[in-house]
Amino acid sequence: MRVNQNKSKISQKGALAPLTFTKKVFLFILFILLFSEGSIFSQNKINLNKATLEELKSLPGIGEVTAKNIIEYRDKIGGFKNLEELKKVKGIGEKKFEVLKNYLTLDDPQGNTSDNKVLSEDLDLKKEKRTIYYYYDEKGVLHYTQFPEMVPPKYRKTLKPLK
C-alpha cells in the first residue's frame, strides 16, 4: 500500500494574503493623496482665535490637555492679540512655539486675516503643499512625517522628501 506523502495546501477562500512592504507603502501614499484635502493634513493655517479642540490637537506636539489649555486661556483673555501670547499658555514653551507658529494665524476683531500677525518665516501653507518626508530608524522601520521639525535630531540628516 502506497501512502501519498504530498500534503496538499489547504486554501482558505476569503483569507487575505499578508501585505508586502511595497503594497503597504503604496497604500499609505494612496491614503495621503486621497484624504489629505480638508483633513488634519490640510494646507490651511489654523486661526488660533477660532480653532476647535480637534483642530488644535491636529498640530504637532499638541495633545488633549494642551489644546484645552489654549482654549481656556483664549476664552479668559478674550482672544489672542498676537501669536507670541501663546507662550503664556501652560504647556507651550519656546521650542514648541517655534514649531507651532508656522501652522497658525490670527484674525483681527473684524475677522480679516492679518498677514503682519503671522509669524511664519515666509512659509505660506495656503498656497504651498506640505512635503511628506520619510526616514528609517536604527531598527530599519520606515517613518513618514509632514513635520520634519518633530523628527528626532539623530534622524534629521536622513530625511528625504517623498516624490
N, C-alpha and C. Protein backbone atom coordinates (compact mmCIF):
# COMPACT_ATOMS: atom_id res chain seq x y z
N MET A 1 0.84 -1.17 0.00
CA MET A 1 0.00 0.00 0.00
C MET A 1 0.89 1.23 0.00
N ARG A 2 0.58 2.14 -0.86
CA ARG A 2 1.38 3.35 -1.04
C ARG A 2 0.65 4.54 -0.44
N VAL A 3 1.34 5.28 0.41
CA VAL A 3 0.73 6.45 1.05
C VAL A 3 1.24 7.69 0.32
N ASN A 4 0.32 8.54 -0.04
CA ASN A 4 0.67 9.79 -0.71
C ASN A 4 1.26 10.75 0.31
N GLN A 5 2.54 11.02 0.15
CA GLN A 5 3.19 11.88 1.12
C GLN A 5 3.16 13.36 0.71
N ASN A 6 2.61 13.65 -0.43
CA ASN A 6 2.46 15.05 -0.85
C ASN A 6 1.27 15.64 -0.12
N LYS A 7 1.54 16.50 0.77
CA LYS A 7 0.44 17.13 1.51
C LYS A 7 -0.07 18.29 0.68
N SER A 8 -1.32 18.30 0.44
CA SER A 8 -1.87 19.39 -0.35
C SER A 8 -2.06 20.61 0.55
N LYS A 9 -1.83 21.77 -0.05
CA LYS A 9 -2.01 23.02 0.69
C LYS A 9 -3.50 23.30 0.81
N ILE A 10 -3.88 23.64 1.97
CA ILE A 10 -5.29 23.94 2.20
C ILE A 10 -5.50 25.41 1.86
N SER A 11 -6.35 25.69 0.91
CA SER A 11 -6.63 27.08 0.56
C SER A 11 -7.91 27.51 1.25
N GLN A 12 -7.83 28.61 1.86
CA GLN A 12 -8.99 29.15 2.54
C GLN A 12 -9.53 30.30 1.70
N LYS A 13 -10.69 30.11 1.20
CA LYS A 13 -11.28 31.18 0.39
C LYS A 13 -11.62 32.35 1.30
N GLY A 14 -11.32 33.51 0.82
CA GLY A 14 -11.63 34.72 1.58
C GLY A 14 -10.51 35.15 2.52
N ALA A 15 -9.49 34.33 2.70
CA ALA A 15 -8.38 34.71 3.56
C ALA A 15 -7.50 35.72 2.82
N LEU A 16 -7.08 36.77 3.53
CA LEU A 16 -6.26 37.82 2.94
C LEU A 16 -4.79 37.44 3.01
N ALA A 17 -4.11 37.65 1.93
CA ALA A 17 -2.67 37.43 1.90
C ALA A 17 -1.99 38.56 2.65
N PRO A 18 -0.89 38.28 3.33
CA PRO A 18 -0.21 39.37 4.04
C PRO A 18 0.31 40.42 3.05
N LEU A 19 0.25 41.68 3.48
CA LEU A 19 0.70 42.78 2.63
C LEU A 19 2.22 42.85 2.61
N THR A 20 2.75 43.02 1.45
CA THR A 20 4.20 43.19 1.32
C THR A 20 4.54 44.63 1.65
N PHE A 21 5.82 44.89 1.84
CA PHE A 21 6.28 46.24 2.14
C PHE A 21 5.88 47.22 1.04
N THR A 22 6.05 46.81 -0.19
CA THR A 22 5.72 47.67 -1.34
C THR A 22 4.23 48.02 -1.34
N LYS A 23 3.40 47.04 -1.07
CA LYS A 23 1.96 47.29 -1.03
C LYS A 23 1.59 48.24 0.10
N LYS A 24 2.25 48.09 1.24
CA LYS A 24 1.98 48.97 2.37
C LYS A 24 2.34 50.41 2.03
N VAL A 25 3.49 50.60 1.41
CA VAL A 25 3.92 51.95 1.02
C VAL A 25 2.95 52.54 0.00
N PHE A 26 2.56 51.74 -0.97
CA PHE A 26 1.61 52.20 -1.99
C PHE A 26 0.28 52.61 -1.34
N LEU A 27 -0.23 51.79 -0.43
CA LEU A 27 -1.49 52.11 0.23
C LEU A 27 -1.38 53.36 1.09
N PHE A 28 -0.24 53.55 1.75
CA PHE A 28 -0.04 54.74 2.56
C PHE A 28 -0.05 56.00 1.68
N ILE A 29 0.67 55.96 0.58
CA ILE A 29 0.72 57.11 -0.32
C ILE A 29 -0.66 57.38 -0.91
N LEU A 30 -1.35 56.33 -1.29
CA LEU A 30 -2.70 56.47 -1.82
C LEU A 30 -3.62 57.12 -0.78
N PHE A 31 -3.51 56.67 0.46
CA PHE A 31 -4.32 57.23 1.54
C PHE A 31 -4.04 58.73 1.70
N ILE A 32 -2.78 59.10 1.70
CA ILE A 32 -2.41 60.52 1.85
C ILE A 32 -2.97 61.35 0.70
N LEU A 33 -2.84 60.85 -0.51
CA LEU A 33 -3.31 61.60 -1.68
C LEU A 33 -4.82 61.74 -1.69
N LEU A 34 -5.53 60.70 -1.29
CA LEU A 34 -6.99 60.74 -1.35
C LEU A 34 -7.62 61.55 -0.23
N PHE A 35 -7.02 61.49 0.96
CA PHE A 35 -7.67 62.08 2.11
C PHE A 35 -6.97 63.30 2.67
N SER A 36 -5.98 63.82 2.00
CA SER A 36 -5.24 64.94 2.57
C SER A 36 -6.00 66.26 2.50
N GLU A 37 -6.82 66.47 1.52
CA GLU A 37 -7.57 67.73 1.42
C GLU A 37 -8.64 67.77 2.50
N GLY A 38 -8.62 68.82 3.32
CA GLY A 38 -9.63 69.01 4.34
C GLY A 38 -9.45 68.13 5.56
N SER A 39 -8.36 67.45 5.69
CA SER A 39 -8.14 66.62 6.86
C SER A 39 -7.13 67.29 7.77
N ILE A 40 -6.56 66.52 8.71
CA ILE A 40 -5.56 67.10 9.59
C ILE A 40 -4.32 67.48 8.83
N PHE A 41 -4.18 67.00 7.59
CA PHE A 41 -3.05 67.37 6.76
C PHE A 41 -3.39 68.57 5.88
N SER A 42 -4.44 69.26 6.22
CA SER A 42 -4.90 70.38 5.43
C SER A 42 -3.80 71.42 5.24
N GLN A 43 -3.85 72.12 4.12
CA GLN A 43 -2.80 73.07 3.78
C GLN A 43 -3.06 74.45 4.39
N ASN A 44 -4.21 74.69 4.99
CA ASN A 44 -4.52 75.99 5.54
C ASN A 44 -3.98 76.14 6.95
N LYS A 45 -3.57 77.37 7.26
CA LYS A 45 -3.15 77.66 8.63
C LYS A 45 -4.39 77.69 9.51
N ILE A 46 -4.19 77.36 10.76
CA ILE A 46 -5.30 77.33 11.71
C ILE A 46 -5.38 78.68 12.40
N ASN A 47 -6.58 79.24 12.43
CA ASN A 47 -6.80 80.51 13.10
C ASN A 47 -6.86 80.23 14.60
N LEU A 48 -5.91 80.74 15.32
CA LEU A 48 -5.78 80.47 16.75
C LEU A 48 -6.99 80.97 17.55
N ASN A 49 -7.63 82.03 17.10
CA ASN A 49 -8.77 82.57 17.84
C ASN A 49 -10.09 81.86 17.52
N LYS A 50 -10.10 80.98 16.54
CA LYS A 50 -11.33 80.27 16.18
C LYS A 50 -11.16 78.76 16.19
N ALA A 51 -9.98 78.27 16.49
CA ALA A 51 -9.67 76.84 16.40
C ALA A 51 -10.48 76.03 17.40
N THR A 52 -10.96 74.89 16.94
CA THR A 52 -11.66 73.94 17.81
C THR A 52 -10.64 73.06 18.51
N LEU A 53 -11.12 72.29 19.46
CA LEU A 53 -10.25 71.35 20.16
C LEU A 53 -9.60 70.38 19.19
N GLU A 54 -10.37 69.85 18.26
CA GLU A 54 -9.84 68.88 17.29
C GLU A 54 -8.80 69.52 16.37
N GLU A 55 -9.03 70.75 15.94
CA GLU A 55 -8.05 71.43 15.09
C GLU A 55 -6.74 71.65 15.83
N LEU A 56 -6.83 72.04 17.09
CA LEU A 56 -5.61 72.26 17.87
C LEU A 56 -4.87 70.96 18.10
N LYS A 57 -5.60 69.87 18.32
CA LYS A 57 -4.96 68.57 18.54
C LYS A 57 -4.26 68.06 17.28
N SER A 58 -4.64 68.57 16.12
CA SER A 58 -4.00 68.14 14.87
C SER A 58 -2.63 68.78 14.68
N LEU A 59 -2.30 69.76 15.50
CA LEU A 59 -1.00 70.43 15.40
C LEU A 59 0.09 69.55 16.00
N PRO A 60 1.32 69.66 15.49
CA PRO A 60 2.41 68.83 16.02
C PRO A 60 2.73 69.19 17.47
N GLY A 61 2.76 68.18 18.32
CA GLY A 61 3.12 68.37 19.72
C GLY A 61 1.99 68.84 20.62
N ILE A 62 0.76 68.92 20.09
CA ILE A 62 -0.38 69.38 20.89
C ILE A 62 -1.30 68.20 21.14
N GLY A 63 -1.52 67.90 22.41
CA GLY A 63 -2.44 66.85 22.81
C GLY A 63 -3.71 67.44 23.39
N GLU A 64 -4.53 66.58 23.96
CA GLU A 64 -5.82 66.99 24.50
C GLU A 64 -5.67 68.06 25.59
N VAL A 65 -4.77 67.84 26.54
CA VAL A 65 -4.62 68.76 27.68
C VAL A 65 -4.13 70.13 27.22
N THR A 66 -3.12 70.16 26.37
CA THR A 66 -2.59 71.45 25.90
C THR A 66 -3.62 72.18 25.05
N ALA A 67 -4.37 71.44 24.23
CA ALA A 67 -5.42 72.07 23.41
C ALA A 67 -6.47 72.71 24.31
N LYS A 68 -6.85 72.02 25.38
CA LYS A 68 -7.84 72.59 26.32
C LYS A 68 -7.26 73.81 27.02
N ASN A 69 -5.97 73.76 27.36
CA ASN A 69 -5.33 74.92 28.00
C ASN A 69 -5.35 76.13 27.07
N ILE A 70 -5.10 75.91 25.79
CA ILE A 70 -5.12 77.01 24.81
C ILE A 70 -6.51 77.63 24.74
N ILE A 71 -7.54 76.79 24.65
CA ILE A 71 -8.91 77.30 24.55
C ILE A 71 -9.31 78.04 25.82
N GLU A 72 -8.97 77.50 27.00
CA GLU A 72 -9.29 78.17 28.26
C GLU A 72 -8.61 79.53 28.35
N TYR A 73 -7.33 79.57 27.98
CA TYR A 73 -6.59 80.83 28.03
C TYR A 73 -7.17 81.84 27.03
N ARG A 74 -7.50 81.37 25.84
CA ARG A 74 -8.09 82.23 24.81
C ARG A 74 -9.40 82.83 25.29
N ASP A 75 -10.25 82.00 25.92
CA ASP A 75 -11.54 82.49 26.42
C ASP A 75 -11.33 83.48 27.58
N LYS A 76 -10.34 83.22 28.40
CA LYS A 76 -10.05 84.07 29.56
C LYS A 76 -9.60 85.47 29.14
N ILE A 77 -8.76 85.55 28.10
CA ILE A 77 -8.22 86.86 27.69
C ILE A 77 -9.04 87.52 26.57
N GLY A 78 -10.05 86.81 26.07
CA GLY A 78 -10.88 87.38 25.01
C GLY A 78 -10.27 87.27 23.62
N GLY A 79 -9.37 86.35 23.45
CA GLY A 79 -8.74 86.14 22.15
C GLY A 79 -7.30 86.62 22.13
N PHE A 80 -6.49 85.97 21.31
CA PHE A 80 -5.08 86.31 21.20
C PHE A 80 -4.92 87.56 20.34
N LYS A 81 -4.10 88.49 20.78
CA LYS A 81 -3.80 89.70 20.00
C LYS A 81 -2.63 89.45 19.06
N ASN A 82 -1.69 88.58 19.49
CA ASN A 82 -0.57 88.18 18.65
C ASN A 82 -0.17 86.75 19.02
N LEU A 83 0.57 86.11 18.15
CA LEU A 83 0.93 84.71 18.37
C LEU A 83 1.87 84.53 19.55
N GLU A 84 2.65 85.55 19.88
CA GLU A 84 3.59 85.46 21.00
C GLU A 84 2.87 85.16 22.32
N GLU A 85 1.61 85.57 22.43
CA GLU A 85 0.83 85.31 23.65
C GLU A 85 0.64 83.82 23.90
N LEU A 86 0.78 83.03 22.88
CA LEU A 86 0.62 81.57 23.02
C LEU A 86 1.63 81.00 24.01
N LYS A 87 2.79 81.65 24.16
CA LYS A 87 3.81 81.17 25.09
C LYS A 87 3.36 81.26 26.55
N LYS A 88 2.33 82.04 26.82
CA LYS A 88 1.81 82.18 28.19
C LYS A 88 0.91 81.01 28.58
N VAL A 89 0.54 80.18 27.62
CA VAL A 89 -0.31 79.02 27.88
C VAL A 89 0.53 77.92 28.50
N LYS A 90 -0.01 77.30 29.54
CA LYS A 90 0.68 76.18 30.20
C LYS A 90 0.87 75.05 29.19
N GLY A 91 2.12 74.60 29.04
CA GLY A 91 2.43 73.52 28.11
C GLY A 91 3.04 74.00 26.81
N ILE A 92 3.12 75.32 26.62
CA ILE A 92 3.74 75.88 25.41
C ILE A 92 5.00 76.62 25.82
N GLY A 93 6.13 76.07 25.44
CA GLY A 93 7.42 76.72 25.70
C GLY A 93 7.96 77.31 24.42
N GLU A 94 9.17 77.80 24.50
CA GLU A 94 9.80 78.44 23.34
C GLU A 94 9.97 77.48 22.17
N LYS A 95 10.44 76.26 22.46
CA LYS A 95 10.67 75.28 21.38
C LYS A 95 9.36 74.90 20.69
N LYS A 96 8.33 74.61 21.48
CA LYS A 96 7.05 74.22 20.89
C LYS A 96 6.45 75.38 20.10
N PHE A 97 6.61 76.60 20.63
CA PHE A 97 6.10 77.77 19.92
C PHE A 97 6.78 77.93 18.56
N GLU A 98 8.09 77.72 18.50
CA GLU A 98 8.82 77.84 17.23
C GLU A 98 8.27 76.88 16.18
N VAL A 99 7.84 75.71 16.61
CA VAL A 99 7.24 74.74 15.68
C VAL A 99 5.84 75.18 15.28
N LEU A 100 5.05 75.59 16.27
CA LEU A 100 3.63 75.89 16.04
C LEU A 100 3.39 77.15 15.22
N LYS A 101 4.25 78.14 15.33
CA LYS A 101 3.99 79.42 14.68
C LYS A 101 3.85 79.30 13.16
N ASN A 102 4.43 78.25 12.58
CA ASN A 102 4.32 78.05 11.14
C ASN A 102 2.95 77.53 10.71
N TYR A 103 2.16 77.08 11.65
CA TYR A 103 0.86 76.48 11.33
C TYR A 103 -0.31 77.33 11.82
N LEU A 104 -0.02 78.51 12.38
CA LEU A 104 -1.07 79.32 12.99
C LEU A 104 -1.17 80.70 12.36
N THR A 105 -2.36 81.27 12.47
CA THR A 105 -2.61 82.64 12.06
C THR A 105 -3.63 83.23 13.03
N LEU A 106 -3.84 84.54 12.94
CA LEU A 106 -4.83 85.23 13.78
C LEU A 106 -5.72 86.08 12.89
N ASP A 107 -6.92 86.35 13.35
CA ASP A 107 -7.82 87.29 12.70
C ASP A 107 -7.92 88.53 13.57
N ASP A 108 -8.07 89.67 12.93
CA ASP A 108 -8.33 90.87 13.71
C ASP A 108 -9.79 90.83 14.16
N PRO A 109 -10.23 91.76 15.02
CA PRO A 109 -11.60 91.71 15.53
C PRO A 109 -12.69 91.72 14.46
N GLN A 110 -12.40 92.27 13.26
CA GLN A 110 -13.40 92.28 12.18
C GLN A 110 -13.40 90.96 11.42
N GLY A 111 -12.50 90.07 11.75
CA GLY A 111 -12.47 88.76 11.10
C GLY A 111 -11.57 88.69 9.88
N ASN A 112 -10.82 89.75 9.61
CA ASN A 112 -9.90 89.73 8.46
C ASN A 112 -8.56 89.18 8.90
N THR A 113 -8.02 88.31 8.11
CA THR A 113 -6.71 87.75 8.44
C THR A 113 -5.66 88.82 8.27
N SER A 114 -4.83 88.97 9.27
CA SER A 114 -3.78 89.98 9.24
C SER A 114 -2.44 89.31 8.99
N ASP A 115 -1.86 89.56 7.83
CA ASP A 115 -0.61 88.91 7.47
C ASP A 115 0.55 89.38 8.34
N ASN A 116 0.47 90.61 8.88
CA ASN A 116 1.57 91.05 9.72
C ASN A 116 1.57 90.37 11.09
N LYS A 117 0.50 89.67 11.43
CA LYS A 117 0.45 88.94 12.69
C LYS A 117 0.92 87.51 12.52
N VAL A 118 1.11 87.08 11.31
CA VAL A 118 1.52 85.70 11.05
C VAL A 118 3.04 85.61 11.15
N LEU A 119 3.51 84.79 12.08
CA LEU A 119 4.95 84.61 12.24
C LEU A 119 5.32 83.32 11.54
N SER A 120 5.64 83.39 10.27
CA SER A 120 5.82 82.14 9.53
C SER A 120 7.07 82.07 8.67
N GLU A 121 7.97 83.02 8.79
CA GLU A 121 9.22 82.98 8.03
C GLU A 121 8.96 82.74 6.54
N ASP A 122 8.01 83.48 5.98
CA ASP A 122 7.67 83.41 4.56
C ASP A 122 7.18 82.04 4.13
N LEU A 123 6.60 81.26 5.04
CA LEU A 123 6.06 79.94 4.72
C LEU A 123 4.56 80.09 4.58
N ASP A 124 4.06 80.13 3.35
CA ASP A 124 2.63 80.30 3.12
C ASP A 124 2.02 78.92 2.86
N LEU A 125 1.45 78.34 3.89
CA LEU A 125 0.90 76.99 3.78
C LEU A 125 -0.40 76.95 2.99
N LYS A 126 -1.03 78.10 2.77
CA LYS A 126 -2.27 78.10 2.00
C LYS A 126 -2.00 77.85 0.52
N LYS A 127 -0.83 78.27 0.03
CA LYS A 127 -0.51 78.12 -1.38
C LYS A 127 0.41 76.93 -1.62
N GLU A 128 1.21 76.59 -0.65
CA GLU A 128 2.18 75.50 -0.80
C GLU A 128 1.62 74.19 -0.30
N LYS A 129 1.94 73.13 -1.00
CA LYS A 129 1.63 71.80 -0.50
C LYS A 129 2.71 71.43 0.50
N ARG A 130 2.33 70.85 1.61
CA ARG A 130 3.32 70.38 2.55
C ARG A 130 4.01 69.15 1.99
N THR A 131 5.28 69.09 2.17
CA THR A 131 6.05 67.96 1.70
C THR A 131 5.97 66.83 2.72
N ILE A 132 5.85 65.63 2.23
CA ILE A 132 5.90 64.45 3.09
C ILE A 132 7.33 63.94 3.04
N TYR A 133 7.89 63.72 4.21
CA TYR A 133 9.25 63.22 4.33
C TYR A 133 9.23 61.79 4.87
N TYR A 134 10.33 61.07 4.62
CA TYR A 134 10.47 59.75 5.20
C TYR A 134 11.89 59.54 5.68
N TYR A 135 12.04 58.64 6.64
CA TYR A 135 13.35 58.26 7.14
C TYR A 135 13.24 56.88 7.78
N TYR A 136 14.37 56.21 7.93
CA TYR A 136 14.44 54.91 8.58
C TYR A 136 15.11 55.08 9.94
N ASP A 137 14.59 54.43 10.96
CA ASP A 137 15.24 54.47 12.26
C ASP A 137 16.29 53.38 12.36
N GLU A 138 16.94 53.26 13.53
CA GLU A 138 18.04 52.30 13.67
C GLU A 138 17.58 50.85 13.55
N LYS A 139 16.28 50.59 13.71
CA LYS A 139 15.74 49.24 13.58
C LYS A 139 15.30 48.95 12.15
N GLY A 140 15.45 49.93 11.28
CA GLY A 140 15.05 49.76 9.89
C GLY A 140 13.58 50.04 9.63
N VAL A 141 12.88 50.62 10.63
CA VAL A 141 11.46 50.93 10.48
C VAL A 141 11.31 52.23 9.70
N LEU A 142 10.45 52.21 8.70
CA LEU A 142 10.22 53.37 7.86
C LEU A 142 9.20 54.28 8.53
N HIS A 143 9.51 55.58 8.61
CA HIS A 143 8.62 56.57 9.21
C HIS A 143 8.31 57.66 8.19
N TYR A 144 7.07 58.17 8.21
CA TYR A 144 6.66 59.27 7.35
C TYR A 144 6.23 60.44 8.24
N THR A 145 6.47 61.66 7.75
CA THR A 145 6.06 62.83 8.51
C THR A 145 5.87 64.03 7.58
N GLN A 146 4.99 64.93 8.00
CA GLN A 146 4.87 66.23 7.34
C GLN A 146 5.46 67.31 8.23
N PHE A 147 5.96 66.91 9.36
CA PHE A 147 6.51 67.85 10.33
C PHE A 147 7.97 67.49 10.61
N PRO A 148 8.89 67.86 9.71
CA PRO A 148 10.29 67.48 9.89
C PRO A 148 10.91 68.02 11.17
N GLU A 149 10.38 69.12 11.67
CA GLU A 149 10.92 69.67 12.90
C GLU A 149 10.62 68.81 14.13
N MET A 150 9.69 67.85 13.99
CA MET A 150 9.34 66.96 15.10
C MET A 150 10.11 65.64 15.05
N VAL A 151 10.92 65.45 14.02
CA VAL A 151 11.72 64.23 13.89
C VAL A 151 12.88 64.30 14.88
N PRO A 152 13.19 63.20 15.57
CA PRO A 152 14.33 63.22 16.49
C PRO A 152 15.60 63.70 15.78
N PRO A 153 16.39 64.52 16.45
CA PRO A 153 17.57 65.13 15.80
C PRO A 153 18.51 64.13 15.13
N LYS A 154 18.65 62.94 15.70
CA LYS A 154 19.60 62.00 15.11
C LYS A 154 19.16 61.48 13.74
N TYR A 155 17.87 61.69 13.37
CA TYR A 155 17.38 61.23 12.07
C TYR A 155 17.19 62.36 11.07
N ARG A 156 17.31 63.62 11.49
CA ARG A 156 17.02 64.74 10.60
C ARG A 156 17.90 64.77 9.37
N LYS A 157 19.14 64.34 9.49
CA LYS A 157 20.05 64.36 8.34
C LYS A 157 19.65 63.32 7.30
N THR A 158 18.87 62.31 7.71
CA THR A 158 18.49 61.24 6.79
C THR A 158 17.10 61.46 6.18
N LEU A 159 16.43 62.56 6.55
CA LEU A 159 15.10 62.85 6.00
C LEU A 159 15.19 63.03 4.48
N LYS A 160 14.25 62.42 3.78
CA LYS A 160 14.19 62.56 2.33
C LYS A 160 12.75 62.89 1.95
N PRO A 161 12.57 63.82 1.01
CA PRO A 161 11.20 64.13 0.57
C PRO A 161 10.64 62.98 -0.24
N LEU A 162 9.36 62.71 -0.03
CA LEU A 162 8.67 61.68 -0.78
C LEU A 162 8.30 62.26 -2.14
N LYS A 163 8.61 61.54 -3.21
CA LYS A 163 8.36 62.06 -4.56
C LYS A 163 7.06 61.55 -5.09
